[in-house]
Amino acid sequence: MPEQVYKFLKSNTVGIIGVPFSGGQVRRVARYEEGVEEGPVRLVEAGLIDQLKSMDWAVDFEDLRVNVSSRPPHDPDSGKLKRPRYVSAVTKAVAEQVKAQASRGNMVLTLGGDHSIAIGTVAGIFTTYPEACLIWIDAHA
């Protein structure tokens, strides 16, 4: 395990949850505005898992991929909300997997996907650790 002593982590494992999801965003015409669903696989291909292992972290990535293919047949937008039923289903699945990893004392790393995956990530962490704090890292900040 890394040399640091952590208050909430009980293991030296990073639970990676891949969420290749773009259902919460507006569909764009230009190709450069698409592709957020490729985020998890691109990060893994770029060596993320090897880098974590090189820092003495165990990595749990198998079977943690959230199923984003079951889109409800009728899911009209509601104001600025895009595909709210679909986003809600994915959010619930993400929250459950984040909670499961956090409950084991693992560091949780959620890879997405569009901005909507944050809802499930935050819900899963705060369900396990109600007094947790949040550090937000975003590509648009």
Foldseek 3Di string as FASTA:
>chain_A
DAPDDDDQAPALEEEEEEELEAQFDDDDDDPVVDDFSCFVVVCVVVPPQVVSVVNVGHYHHPPRYQDLPDQDPDFPADVSTGRVVSLVVSLCSLLVSLLVCSLNRHHYHYTTDDPSNVNSNVNNNCVNPVPDDDDDDDPVD
